[in-house]
Amino acid sequence: MGDDRADRHNIALRSTLFRFGQYFTWTEIYREYLRLNPKKDTQEISDLLSWITSTFATDALDVKSSGPLLMLWREEQWAIADSMRHTGAMPGCIGFDVFMDDYDARYSKWFKRFESDLESIFSRSESTDSERLARVQAILVQLIAKLDAERAFVRRDKHGEVTTPRWAQRGRFPELQDDTD
């Protein structure tokens, strides 16, 4: 039974890392698309993506005695994206099975500290909030709302306030200031 619990823990941790890597991969694919197809109406989306990149890269958030937690330099984000990119006719991201099979050989070097930070944060008995992750969530809410032109995912009331999903509602995340550079 102990091995099963450790296996489930490992899958939960690795799937979390995979999702971060998947985000970085698709962000870089989208940035390439934007460079090839620049349009004025995509500037706001590009700015939000850059803000998320900067939020992960700043050393001014979640500073502990061992250094900033959950920080990934821009170059680390790019390396993760490059290594997880699926090569072929259409750009894409590798699948979770490939990520799991190749984690130790290909991806662990880029995720090592990030993985350790996740382990330390989520293995503590007391709650540990991450300002970095709260800011990323707040920016992602803006990004999702911007990309969801048909309002299929983000619903708003007549005043423009988000009603669903609940995690995207005002007051559920910090007010944002661009102090990440």
Protein backbone atom coordinates (compact mmCIF):
# COMPACT_ATOMS: atom_id res chain seq x y z
CA MET A 1 0.00 0.00 0.00
CA GLY A 2 2.88 2.38 0.73
CA ASP A 3 4.26 1.93 -2.79
CA ASP A 4 0.87 2.73 -4.31
CA ARG A 5 0.70 5.97 -2.30
CA ALA A 6 4.23 6.92 -3.43
CA ASP A 7 3.33 6.11 -7.04
CA ARG A 8 0.20 8.28 -6.85
CA HIS A 9 2.22 11.09 -5.26
CA ASN A 10 4.81 10.84 -8.04
CA ILE A 11 2.14 10.92 -10.75
CA ALA A 12 0.45 13.92 -9.14
CA LEU A 13 3.75 15.80 -8.94
CA ARG A 14 4.84 14.91 -12.46
CA SER A 15 1.44 15.71 -13.95
CA THR A 16 1.65 19.14 -12.34
CA LEU A 17 5.10 19.65 -13.86
CA PHE A 18 3.77 18.41 -17.20
CA ARG A 19 0.98 21.00 -17.14
CA PHE A 20 3.44 23.81 -16.47
CA GLY A 21 5.64 22.51 -19.29
CA GLN A 22 2.65 22.17 -21.57
CA TYR A 23 1.75 25.80 -20.87
CA PHE A 24 5.29 26.99 -21.68
CA THR A 25 5.33 24.91 -24.89
CA TRP A 26 2.02 26.23 -26.21
CA THR A 27 2.96 29.78 -25.22
CA GLU A 28 6.12 29.59 -27.33
CA ILE A 29 4.20 28.08 -30.26
CA TYR A 30 1.67 30.92 -29.99
CA ARG A 31 4.45 33.52 -29.82
CA GLU A 32 5.92 32.12 -33.03
CA TYR A 33 2.51 32.40 -34.64
CA LEU A 34 2.20 36.02 -33.47
CA ARG A 35 5.64 36.88 -34.88
CA LEU A 36 4.58 35.47 -38.25
CA ASN A 37 1.08 36.99 -38.12
CA PRO A 38 1.29 40.26 -36.20
CA LYS A 39 -2.06 41.92 -35.64
CA LYS A 40 -2.96 44.82 -33.44
CA ASP A 41 -5.76 42.92 -31.70
CA THR A 42 -3.34 40.24 -30.49
CA GLN A 43 -1.06 42.69 -28.67
CA GLU A 44 -3.06 42.47 -25.45
CA ILE A 45 -2.80 38.66 -25.47
CA SER A 46 0.91 38.88 -26.18
CA ASP A 47 1.31 41.32 -23.28
CA LEU A 48 -0.50 38.96 -20.89
CA LEU A 49 1.71 36.04 -21.96
CA SER A 50 4.80 38.20 -21.37
CA TRP A 51 3.49 39.18 -17.97
CA ILE A 52 3.13 35.52 -16.98
CA THR A 53 6.66 34.82 -18.25
CA SER A 54 7.97 37.72 -16.16
CA THR A 55 6.03 36.58 -13.10
CA PHE A 56 7.68 33.17 -13.23
CA ALA A 57 11.11 34.73 -13.86
CA THR A 58 11.23 37.40 -11.16
CA ASP A 59 13.26 36.74 -8.05
CA ALA A 60 11.21 39.25 -6.03
CA LEU A 61 8.33 36.88 -5.20
CA ASP A 62 8.05 34.05 -2.64
CA VAL A 63 11.54 34.71 -1.30
CA LYS A 64 12.61 32.24 1.38
CA SER A 65 16.00 31.61 2.99
CA SER A 66 16.87 29.20 0.18
CA GLY A 67 15.94 31.79 -2.46
CA PRO A 68 12.78 32.51 -4.42
CA LEU A 69 10.33 29.61 -4.69
CA LEU A 70 8.73 28.40 -7.92
CA MET A 71 10.88 30.68 -10.04
CA LEU A 72 11.87 29.71 -13.57
CA TRP A 73 14.14 32.02 -15.53
CA ARG A 74 12.92 32.89 -19.02
CA GLU A 75 15.67 30.69 -20.44
CA GLU A 76 14.46 27.74 -18.35
CA GLN A 77 10.92 28.32 -19.60
CA TRP A 78 12.20 28.36 -23.19
CA ALA A 79 14.29 25.23 -22.63
CA ILE A 80 11.27 23.40 -21.20
CA ALA A 81 9.18 24.51 -24.18
CA ASP A 82 11.86 23.48 -26.67
CA SER A 83 12.34 20.06 -25.08
CA MET A 84 8.61 19.34 -24.83
CA ARG A 85 7.72 20.51 -28.31
CA HIS A 86 6.41 17.85 -30.66
CA THR A 87 8.12 17.96 -34.00
CA GLY A 88 6.03 17.28 -37.05
CA ALA A 89 3.82 18.92 -39.64
CA MET A 90 1.77 20.73 -37.00
CA PRO A 91 3.35 22.30 -33.93
CA GLY A 92 2.35 20.74 -30.64
CA CYS A 93 3.37 19.42 -27.26
CA ILE A 94 4.43 15.91 -26.35
CA GLY A 95 1.99 13.72 -24.46
CA PHE A 96 2.08 12.88 -20.77
CA ASP A 97 3.28 9.33 -21.45
CA VAL A 98 6.36 10.60 -23.32
CA PHE A 99 6.98 13.14 -20.55
CA MET A 100 6.85 10.41 -17.90
CA ASP A 101 9.06 8.02 -19.89
CA ASP A 102 11.71 10.67 -20.61
CA TYR A 103 11.46 12.79 -17.44
CA ASP A 104 14.73 11.78 -15.81
CA ALA A 105 16.76 11.92 -19.03
CA ARG A 106 15.29 15.04 -20.68
CA TYR A 107 13.15 17.23 -18.44
CA SER A 108 14.34 16.86 -14.85
CA LYS A 109 17.32 19.17 -15.37
CA TRP A 110 14.95 22.06 -16.18
CA PHE A 111 12.37 21.22 -13.52
CA LYS A 112 14.72 20.15 -10.71
CA ARG A 113 14.43 23.22 -8.48
CA PHE A 114 10.80 23.86 -9.42
CA GLU A 115 9.95 20.25 -8.53
CA SER A 116 11.77 20.57 -5.23
CA ASP A 117 9.88 23.79 -4.45
CA LEU A 118 6.54 22.12 -5.22
CA GLU A 119 7.49 19.20 -2.98
CA SER A 120 8.44 21.48 -0.11
CA ILE A 121 5.36 23.67 -0.41
CA PHE A 122 2.82 20.87 -0.67
CA SER A 123 4.39 18.49 1.83
CA ARG A 124 4.12 20.98 4.68
CA SER A 125 1.40 20.47 7.23
CA GLU A 126 0.63 24.20 7.38
CA SER A 127 -0.83 26.10 4.46
CA THR A 128 1.69 27.91 2.32
CA ASP A 129 0.37 30.47 -0.10
CA SER A 130 2.42 31.42 -3.13
CA GLU A 131 2.22 35.02 -4.25
CA ARG A 132 3.78 33.95 -7.57
CA LEU A 133 1.08 31.35 -8.28
CA ALA A 134 -1.67 33.75 -7.16
CA ARG A 135 -0.39 36.37 -9.61
CA VAL A 136 -0.09 33.81 -12.41
CA GLN A 137 -3.67 32.71 -11.74
CA ALA A 138 -4.90 36.32 -11.85
CA ILE A 139 -3.18 36.94 -15.18
CA LEU A 140 -4.45 33.62 -16.56
CA VAL A 141 -7.99 34.73 -15.67
CA GLN A 142 -7.47 37.82 -17.82
CA LEU A 143 -5.94 35.74 -20.61
CA ILE A 144 -8.78 33.20 -20.60
CA ALA A 145 -11.38 35.96 -20.61
CA LYS A 146 -9.60 37.63 -23.56
CA LEU A 147 -9.34 34.38 -25.53
CA ASP A 148 -12.92 33.34 -24.73
CA ALA A 149 -14.59 35.75 -27.16
CA GLU A 150 -17.79 33.67 -27.29
CA ARG A 151 -17.92 33.48 -23.48
CA ALA A 152 -18.16 29.71 -23.57
CA PHE A 153 -15.99 29.35 -20.48
CA VAL A 154 -15.99 32.70 -18.67
CA ARG A 155 -19.46 34.03 -17.95
CA ARG A 156 -20.10 37.63 -16.91
CA ASP A 157 -23.07 39.51 -15.51
CA LYS A 158 -24.51 42.67 -17.08
CA HIS A 159 -21.86 44.77 -15.32
CA GLY A 160 -19.00 42.73 -16.80
CA GLU A 161 -18.15 40.95 -13.54
CA VAL A 162 -17.16 37.29 -13.81
CA THR A 163 -19.84 34.95 -12.46
CA THR A 164 -18.30 31.63 -13.51
CA PRO A 165 -15.96 29.92 -13.10
CA ARG A 166 -15.88 30.74 -9.40
CA TRP A 167 -12.05 30.74 -9.21
CA ALA A 168 -12.00 33.59 -11.75
CA GLN A 169 -14.23 35.93 -9.75
CA ARG A 170 -12.95 39.27 -8.49
CA GLY A 171 -11.53 39.11 -5.01
CA ARG A 172 -10.32 35.52 -5.42
CA PHE A 173 -6.88 36.71 -6.50
CA PRO A 174 -4.69 39.73 -5.77
CA GLU A 175 -5.00 43.00 -7.63
CA LEU A 176 -2.19 43.06 -10.12
CA GLN A 177 0.65 45.51 -10.40
CA ASP A 178 3.39 45.19 -12.97
CA ASP A 179 6.33 45.04 -10.57
CA THR A 180 7.86 41.80 -11.84
CA ASP A 181 10.81 43.27 -13.78
